[in-house]
Amino acid sequence: MSANSRLTIAAHALTWIGLYQRRGHEVATSEQIATSVNTNPVVIRRLLAQLRTAGLADSRRGAGAGWMLSRDLSAITLLDVYEAVESGPIFALHRATPDPECVVGHGIGPAMASVYDGVEATLRKELAKTTLEDVLHDVLKTT
């Protein structure tokens, strides 16, 4: 099973746009962002469309087309980004109902749901502590 990188790519894209705008540019193209992320511009456009729906990014069409932030980096948390690009919980229970006659099959759902609810709450709490301004600050420290 592979790890999901959507949050990382979305945070990367928004942080890149924020830095690009601070350096005097009004909008960034999906091609420019994709170069930094090292992915296809279509992947970036799809992700940015979700971020636009969530009110984190905006786009301009026509001449001078591109993407910009809808809010300052300091007003966007990793939780905001996570909620924009991730659908559903981190972990899921069985797709099919386990055998209710089996002691484990009967009790596994509630037992695991309790653990998963705690993990989800902890994740959300931690993501809410970090803004994209914090991310950019840490990024710039590495250069």
N, C-alpha and C. Protein backbone atom coordinates (compact mmCIF):
# COMPACT_ATOMS: atom_id res chain seq x y z
N MET A 1 0.84 -1.17 0.00
CA MET A 1 0.00 0.00 0.00
C MET A 1 0.89 1.24 0.00
N SER A 2 0.63 2.18 -0.91
CA SER A 2 1.47 3.37 -1.00
C SER A 2 0.86 4.52 -0.19
N ALA A 3 1.71 5.40 0.24
CA ALA A 3 1.26 6.56 1.01
C ALA A 3 0.64 7.60 0.07
N ASN A 4 -0.29 8.37 0.60
CA ASN A 4 -0.97 9.40 -0.15
C ASN A 4 -0.16 10.70 -0.06
N SER A 5 0.14 11.32 -1.19
CA SER A 5 0.96 12.54 -1.20
C SER A 5 0.16 13.79 -1.57
N ARG A 6 -1.16 13.69 -1.64
CA ARG A 6 -1.98 14.83 -2.07
C ARG A 6 -1.81 16.05 -1.17
N LEU A 7 -1.78 15.84 0.14
CA LEU A 7 -1.59 16.97 1.06
C LEU A 7 -0.24 17.63 0.82
N THR A 8 0.79 16.84 0.66
CA THR A 8 2.13 17.38 0.43
C THR A 8 2.19 18.16 -0.87
N ILE A 9 1.62 17.61 -1.93
CA ILE A 9 1.65 18.30 -3.23
C ILE A 9 0.84 19.59 -3.18
N ALA A 10 -0.31 19.56 -2.52
CA ALA A 10 -1.15 20.76 -2.41
C ALA A 10 -0.45 21.83 -1.58
N ALA A 11 0.17 21.44 -0.46
CA ALA A 11 0.90 22.40 0.36
C ALA A 11 2.09 22.97 -0.42
N HIS A 12 2.77 22.13 -1.17
CA HIS A 12 3.90 22.55 -2.00
C HIS A 12 3.42 23.61 -3.00
N ALA A 13 2.34 23.30 -3.71
CA ALA A 13 1.83 24.21 -4.74
C ALA A 13 1.44 25.56 -4.15
N LEU A 14 0.69 25.55 -3.06
CA LEU A 14 0.24 26.81 -2.46
C LEU A 14 1.41 27.61 -1.89
N THR A 15 2.35 26.93 -1.26
CA THR A 15 3.53 27.61 -0.71
C THR A 15 4.36 28.21 -1.84
N TRP A 16 4.51 27.48 -2.94
CA TRP A 16 5.25 27.98 -4.09
C TRP A 16 4.57 29.22 -4.66
N ILE A 17 3.24 29.16 -4.81
CA ILE A 17 2.51 30.32 -5.33
C ILE A 17 2.71 31.52 -4.40
N GLY A 18 2.62 31.29 -3.09
CA GLY A 18 2.81 32.38 -2.13
C GLY A 18 4.17 33.04 -2.25
N LEU A 19 5.21 32.23 -2.37
CA LEU A 19 6.57 32.77 -2.53
C LEU A 19 6.70 33.50 -3.86
N TYR A 20 6.15 32.92 -4.90
CA TYR A 20 6.21 33.52 -6.23
C TYR A 20 5.53 34.88 -6.23
N GLN A 21 4.40 34.99 -5.57
CA GLN A 21 3.70 36.27 -5.48
C GLN A 21 4.51 37.28 -4.66
N ARG A 22 5.14 36.84 -3.60
CA ARG A 22 5.97 37.74 -2.79
C ARG A 22 7.15 38.28 -3.58
N ARG A 23 7.55 37.53 -4.57
CA ARG A 23 8.67 37.97 -5.40
C ARG A 23 8.21 38.86 -6.56
N GLY A 24 6.96 39.33 -6.49
CA GLY A 24 6.47 40.32 -7.44
C GLY A 24 5.64 39.82 -8.59
N HIS A 25 5.34 38.56 -8.62
CA HIS A 25 4.53 38.01 -9.70
C HIS A 25 3.07 37.94 -9.27
N GLU A 26 2.18 38.23 -10.21
CA GLU A 26 0.76 38.25 -9.87
C GLU A 26 0.14 36.85 -9.87
N VAL A 27 0.43 36.08 -10.92
CA VAL A 27 -0.14 34.73 -11.04
C VAL A 27 0.95 33.74 -11.45
N ALA A 28 0.71 32.48 -11.13
CA ALA A 28 1.63 31.41 -11.49
C ALA A 28 0.90 30.43 -12.40
N THR A 29 1.57 29.91 -13.39
CA THR A 29 0.94 28.93 -14.27
C THR A 29 1.07 27.54 -13.67
N SER A 30 0.19 26.66 -14.07
CA SER A 30 0.26 25.28 -13.60
C SER A 30 1.54 24.61 -14.09
N GLU A 31 2.05 25.05 -15.24
CA GLU A 31 3.30 24.50 -15.75
C GLU A 31 4.47 24.87 -14.84
N GLN A 32 4.49 26.12 -14.37
CA GLN A 32 5.56 26.55 -13.46
C GLN A 32 5.51 25.77 -12.15
N ILE A 33 4.31 25.65 -11.61
CA ILE A 33 4.14 24.93 -10.34
C ILE A 33 4.51 23.46 -10.53
N ALA A 34 4.08 22.88 -11.63
CA ALA A 34 4.37 21.47 -11.91
C ALA A 34 5.87 21.21 -12.01
N THR A 35 6.61 22.17 -12.53
CA THR A 35 8.06 22.02 -12.62
C THR A 35 8.67 21.90 -11.22
N SER A 36 8.20 22.74 -10.30
CA SER A 36 8.71 22.67 -8.93
C SER A 36 8.33 21.35 -8.25
N VAL A 37 7.11 20.91 -8.47
CA VAL A 37 6.63 19.67 -7.85
C VAL A 37 7.19 18.44 -8.56
N ASN A 38 7.59 18.61 -9.82
CA ASN A 38 8.08 17.52 -10.67
C ASN A 38 6.94 16.54 -10.98
N THR A 39 5.86 17.12 -11.49
CA THR A 39 4.71 16.32 -11.90
C THR A 39 4.09 16.94 -13.14
N ASN A 40 3.05 16.34 -13.62
CA ASN A 40 2.36 16.82 -14.81
C ASN A 40 1.48 18.02 -14.45
N PRO A 41 1.42 19.06 -15.29
CA PRO A 41 0.56 20.21 -15.02
C PRO A 41 -0.91 19.86 -14.82
N VAL A 42 -1.36 18.78 -15.45
CA VAL A 42 -2.76 18.35 -15.28
C VAL A 42 -3.02 17.97 -13.82
N VAL A 43 -2.05 17.31 -13.19
CA VAL A 43 -2.17 16.94 -11.78
C VAL A 43 -2.33 18.21 -10.95
N ILE A 44 -1.52 19.21 -11.25
CA ILE A 44 -1.56 20.48 -10.51
C ILE A 44 -2.90 21.18 -10.75
N ARG A 45 -3.36 21.23 -11.98
CA ARG A 45 -4.64 21.89 -12.27
C ARG A 45 -5.80 21.23 -11.52
N ARG A 46 -5.81 19.92 -11.49
CA ARG A 46 -6.89 19.21 -10.77
C ARG A 46 -6.85 19.52 -9.28
N LEU A 47 -5.66 19.51 -8.72
CA LEU A 47 -5.51 19.80 -7.29
C LEU A 47 -5.87 21.25 -6.99
N LEU A 48 -5.41 22.17 -7.84
CA LEU A 48 -5.72 23.58 -7.62
C LEU A 48 -7.21 23.87 -7.80
N ALA A 49 -7.88 23.11 -8.63
CA ALA A 49 -9.33 23.27 -8.77
C ALA A 49 -10.01 22.93 -7.44
N GLN A 50 -9.55 21.90 -6.76
CA GLN A 50 -10.10 21.56 -5.44
C GLN A 50 -9.78 22.66 -4.43
N LEU A 51 -8.58 23.20 -4.50
CA LEU A 51 -8.18 24.27 -3.59
C LEU A 51 -8.97 25.55 -3.86
N ARG A 52 -9.32 25.77 -5.13
CA ARG A 52 -10.16 26.92 -5.48
C ARG A 52 -11.56 26.75 -4.89
N THR A 53 -12.11 25.56 -5.01
CA THR A 53 -13.43 25.27 -4.44
C THR A 53 -13.44 25.50 -2.93
N ALA A 54 -12.34 25.21 -2.28
CA ALA A 54 -12.22 25.40 -0.84
C ALA A 54 -11.89 26.84 -0.45
N GLY A 55 -11.70 27.71 -1.44
CA GLY A 55 -11.40 29.11 -1.14
C GLY A 55 -9.95 29.40 -0.78
N LEU A 56 -9.05 28.51 -1.17
CA LEU A 56 -7.63 28.70 -0.86
C LEU A 56 -6.84 29.26 -2.02
N ALA A 57 -7.31 29.03 -3.24
CA ALA A 57 -6.64 29.52 -4.45
C ALA A 57 -7.70 30.08 -5.38
N ASP A 58 -7.23 30.87 -6.32
CA ASP A 58 -8.12 31.43 -7.33
C ASP A 58 -7.38 31.38 -8.66
N SER A 59 -8.14 31.48 -9.73
CA SER A 59 -7.52 31.43 -11.05
C SER A 59 -8.01 32.57 -11.91
N ARG A 60 -7.19 32.89 -12.88
CA ARG A 60 -7.53 33.91 -13.87
C ARG A 60 -7.42 33.26 -15.24
N ARG A 61 -8.42 33.52 -16.08
CA ARG A 61 -8.43 32.97 -17.44
C ARG A 61 -8.02 34.05 -18.43
N GLY A 62 -7.73 33.62 -19.65
CA GLY A 62 -7.40 34.55 -20.71
C GLY A 62 -5.96 35.00 -20.65
N ALA A 63 -5.72 36.21 -21.19
CA ALA A 63 -4.35 36.75 -21.19
C ALA A 63 -3.90 36.91 -19.74
N GLY A 64 -2.70 36.47 -19.46
CA GLY A 64 -2.18 36.54 -18.09
C GLY A 64 -2.82 35.51 -17.18
N ALA A 65 -3.26 34.40 -17.76
CA ALA A 65 -3.92 33.35 -16.99
C ALA A 65 -2.97 32.71 -15.99
N GLY A 66 -3.52 32.24 -14.91
CA GLY A 66 -2.72 31.55 -13.92
C GLY A 66 -3.43 31.45 -12.58
N TRP A 67 -2.68 31.06 -11.59
CA TRP A 67 -3.20 30.80 -10.25
C TRP A 67 -2.62 31.77 -9.24
N MET A 68 -3.41 32.09 -8.24
CA MET A 68 -2.98 32.95 -7.14
C MET A 68 -3.62 32.46 -5.85
N LEU A 69 -3.11 32.92 -4.74
CA LEU A 69 -3.70 32.57 -3.45
C LEU A 69 -4.95 33.40 -3.22
N SER A 70 -5.92 32.82 -2.55
CA SER A 70 -7.12 33.54 -2.15
C SER A 70 -6.94 34.16 -0.77
N ARG A 71 -5.99 33.61 -0.02
CA ARG A 71 -5.68 34.11 1.33
C ARG A 71 -4.17 34.15 1.49
N ASP A 72 -3.72 34.90 2.44
CA ASP A 72 -2.29 34.95 2.74
C ASP A 72 -1.84 33.61 3.31
N LEU A 73 -0.59 33.27 3.11
CA LEU A 73 -0.05 32.01 3.64
C LEU A 73 -0.27 31.88 5.14
N SER A 74 -0.23 32.97 5.85
CA SER A 74 -0.40 32.92 7.31
C SER A 74 -1.85 32.61 7.70
N ALA A 75 -2.76 32.70 6.76
CA ALA A 75 -4.18 32.43 7.04
C ALA A 75 -4.63 31.07 6.51
N ILE A 76 -3.68 30.26 6.04
CA ILE A 76 -4.00 28.92 5.53
C ILE A 76 -3.25 27.90 6.37
N THR A 77 -3.99 27.01 7.03
CA THR A 77 -3.35 25.96 7.81
C THR A 77 -3.25 24.68 6.98
N LEU A 78 -2.41 23.78 7.44
CA LEU A 78 -2.34 22.48 6.79
C LEU A 78 -3.67 21.74 6.92
N LEU A 79 -4.43 22.03 7.97
CA LEU A 79 -5.76 21.43 8.10
C LEU A 79 -6.68 21.94 6.99
N ASP A 80 -6.60 23.24 6.67
CA ASP A 80 -7.40 23.77 5.56
C ASP A 80 -7.08 23.03 4.27
N VAL A 81 -5.80 22.83 4.02
CA VAL A 81 -5.36 22.16 2.80
C VAL A 81 -5.82 20.70 2.82
N TYR A 82 -5.62 20.04 3.93
CA TYR A 82 -6.03 18.64 4.08
C TYR A 82 -7.52 18.47 3.79
N GLU A 83 -8.34 19.33 4.39
CA GLU A 83 -9.79 19.24 4.19
C GLU A 83 -10.19 19.52 2.74
N ALA A 84 -9.38 20.31 2.04
CA ALA A 84 -9.69 20.63 0.65
C ALA A 84 -9.38 19.47 -0.30
N VAL A 85 -8.34 18.69 0.00
CA VAL A 85 -7.89 17.68 -0.97
C VAL A 85 -8.12 16.24 -0.56
N GLU A 86 -8.44 16.00 0.69
CA GLU A 86 -8.66 14.63 1.15
C GLU A 86 -10.15 14.39 1.38
N SER A 87 -10.66 13.34 0.83
CA SER A 87 -12.06 13.01 1.06
C SER A 87 -12.14 11.79 1.96
N GLY A 88 -12.92 11.91 2.97
CA GLY A 88 -13.13 10.77 3.85
C GLY A 88 -12.06 10.64 4.92
N PRO A 89 -12.24 9.65 5.76
CA PRO A 89 -11.31 9.43 6.87
C PRO A 89 -9.98 8.85 6.39
N ILE A 90 -9.01 8.88 7.28
CA ILE A 90 -7.68 8.33 6.99
C ILE A 90 -7.77 6.82 6.81
N PHE A 91 -8.44 6.17 7.73
CA PHE A 91 -8.59 4.72 7.71
C PHE A 91 -10.05 4.37 7.54
N ALA A 92 -10.30 3.24 6.93
CA ALA A 92 -11.68 2.80 6.73
C ALA A 92 -11.86 1.40 7.32
N LEU A 93 -13.10 1.12 7.65
CA LEU A 93 -13.45 -0.22 8.11
C LEU A 93 -13.67 -1.11 6.88
N HIS A 94 -14.03 -2.33 7.10
CA HIS A 94 -14.26 -3.28 6.02
C HIS A 94 -15.25 -2.73 5.00
N ARG A 95 -15.04 -3.07 3.75
CA ARG A 95 -16.02 -2.70 2.71
C ARG A 95 -17.25 -3.58 2.83
N ALA A 96 -17.05 -4.82 3.14
CA ALA A 96 -18.15 -5.76 3.35
C ALA A 96 -18.29 -6.01 4.85
N THR A 97 -19.50 -6.19 5.32
CA THR A 97 -19.73 -6.43 6.74
C THR A 97 -19.13 -7.78 7.14
N PRO A 98 -18.27 -7.79 8.16
CA PRO A 98 -17.69 -9.05 8.62
C PRO A 98 -18.78 -9.97 9.20
N ASP A 99 -18.45 -11.21 9.37
CA ASP A 99 -19.39 -12.19 9.90
C ASP A 99 -19.83 -11.79 11.30
N PRO A 100 -21.12 -11.43 11.49
CA PRO A 100 -21.59 -11.02 12.81
C PRO A 100 -21.65 -12.17 13.81
N GLU A 101 -21.58 -13.40 13.33
CA GLU A 101 -21.59 -14.57 14.22
C GLU A 101 -20.20 -14.85 14.80
N CYS A 102 -19.20 -14.27 14.19
CA CYS A 102 -17.81 -14.44 14.66
C CYS A 102 -17.54 -13.38 15.72
N VAL A 103 -16.92 -13.76 16.82
CA VAL A 103 -16.67 -12.81 17.91
C VAL A 103 -15.79 -11.65 17.42
N VAL A 104 -14.79 -11.92 16.62
CA VAL A 104 -13.94 -10.85 16.09
C VAL A 104 -14.70 -10.06 15.03
N GLY A 105 -15.38 -10.75 14.13
CA GLY A 105 -16.15 -10.08 13.10
C GLY A 105 -17.21 -9.16 13.68
N HIS A 106 -17.80 -9.56 14.79
CA HIS A 106 -18.84 -8.76 15.45
C HIS A 106 -18.26 -7.50 16.11
N GLY A 107 -17.09 -7.62 16.71
CA GLY A 107 -16.56 -6.52 17.51
C GLY A 107 -15.47 -5.68 16.88
N ILE A 108 -14.96 -6.10 15.73
CA ILE A 108 -13.81 -5.40 15.14
C ILE A 108 -14.16 -3.97 14.74
N GLY A 109 -15.33 -3.75 14.18
CA GLY A 109 -15.72 -2.42 13.73
C GLY A 109 -15.69 -1.38 14.84
N PRO A 110 -16.44 -1.60 15.93
CA PRO A 110 -16.41 -0.62 17.03
C PRO A 110 -15.03 -0.46 17.65
N ALA A 111 -14.29 -1.54 17.78
CA ALA A 111 -12.95 -1.45 18.37
C ALA A 111 -12.02 -0.60 17.52
N MET A 112 -12.03 -0.83 16.23
CA MET A 112 -11.14 -0.08 15.34
C MET A 112 -11.64 1.35 15.13
N ALA A 113 -12.95 1.55 15.07
CA ALA A 113 -13.51 2.89 14.89
C ALA A 113 -13.07 3.81 16.02
N SER A 114 -13.03 3.30 17.22
CA SER A 114 -12.60 4.09 18.37
C SER A 114 -11.15 4.56 18.20
N VAL A 115 -10.30 3.66 17.79
CA VAL A 115 -8.88 4.00 17.56
C VAL A 115 -8.78 5.01 16.41
N TYR A 116 -9.47 4.74 15.32
CA TYR A 116 -9.40 5.60 14.15
C TYR A 116 -9.91 7.01 14.45
N ASP A 117 -10.97 7.11 15.23
CA ASP A 117 -11.49 8.43 15.60
C ASP A 117 -10.44 9.23 16.37
N GLY A 118 -9.72 8.56 17.26
CA GLY A 118 -8.66 9.24 18.01
C GLY A 118 -7.51 9.68 17.12
N VAL A 119 -7.13 8.84 16.19
CA VAL A 119 -6.06 9.18 15.24
C VAL A 119 -6.47 10.39 14.41
N GLU A 120 -7.70 10.38 13.91
CA GLU A 120 -8.19 11.48 13.08
C GLU A 120 -8.21 12.79 13.88
N ALA A 121 -8.66 12.74 15.12
CA ALA A 121 -8.70 13.95 15.96
C ALA A 121 -7.30 14.49 16.21
N THR A 122 -6.36 13.60 16.48
CA THR A 122 -4.98 14.02 16.70
C THR A 122 -4.38 14.63 15.44
N LEU A 123 -4.62 14.00 14.30
CA LEU A 123 -4.12 14.52 13.02
C LEU A 123 -4.64 15.94 12.78
N ARG A 124 -5.95 16.12 12.93
CA ARG A 124 -6.56 17.42 12.69
C ARG A 124 -5.98 18.48 13.62
N LYS A 125 -5.81 18.12 14.88
CA LYS A 125 -5.25 19.06 15.87
C LYS A 125 -3.84 19.48 15.47
N GLU A 126 -3.03 18.52 15.05
CA GLU A 126 -1.65 18.83 14.65
C GLU A 126 -1.60 19.66 13.37
N LEU A 127 -2.41 19.32 12.37
CA LEU A 127 -2.41 20.08 11.12
C LEU A 127 -2.88 21.51 11.33
N ALA A 128 -3.79 21.71 12.26
CA ALA A 128 -4.32 23.05 12.54
C ALA A 128 -3.26 23.97 13.16
N LYS A 129 -2.22 23.40 13.72
CA LYS A 129 -1.15 24.19 14.37
C LYS A 129 -0.18 24.83 13.38
N THR A 130 -0.16 24.35 12.15
CA THR A 130 0.86 24.79 11.19
C THR A 130 0.22 25.52 10.03
N THR A 131 0.70 26.75 9.78
CA THR A 131 0.24 27.51 8.62
C THR A 131 1.22 27.30 7.47
N LEU A 132 0.79 27.69 6.29
CA LEU A 132 1.71 27.62 5.15
C LEU A 132 2.82 28.66 5.29
N GLU A 133 2.58 29.70 6.07
CA GLU A 133 3.66 30.65 6.39
C GLU A 133 4.75 29.92 7.17
N ASP A 134 4.36 29.07 8.12
CA ASP A 134 5.32 28.26 8.87
C ASP A 134 6.09 27.33 7.94
N VAL A 135 5.36 26.72 7.00
CA VAL A 135 6.00 25.82 6.03
C VAL A 135 7.03 26.59 5.21
N LEU A 136 6.64 27.76 4.69
CA LEU A 136 7.57 28.56 3.89
C LEU A 136 8.78 28.95 4.73
N HIS A 137 8.56 29.33 5.95
CA HIS A 137 9.67 29.70 6.84
C HIS A 137 10.66 28.54 6.97
N ASP A 138 10.14 27.34 7.20
CA ASP A 138 11.00 26.16 7.32
C ASP A 138 11.69 25.81 6.01
N VAL A 139 10.98 25.98 4.90
CA VAL A 139 11.58 25.74 3.58
C VAL A 139 12.76 26.67 3.36
N LEU A 140 12.56 27.94 3.65
CA LEU A 140 13.62 28.92 3.40
C LEU A 140 14.82 28.73 4.30
N LYS A 141 14.63 28.11 5.45
CA LYS A 141 15.76 27.82 6.37
C LYS A 141 16.68 26.77 5.76
N THR A 142 16.15 25.91 4.88
CA THR A 142 16.97 24.83 4.32
C THR A 142 17.82 25.27 3.15
N THR A 143 17.60 26.51 2.67
CA THR A 143 18.37 26.96 1.51
C THR A 143 19.60 27.73 1.89
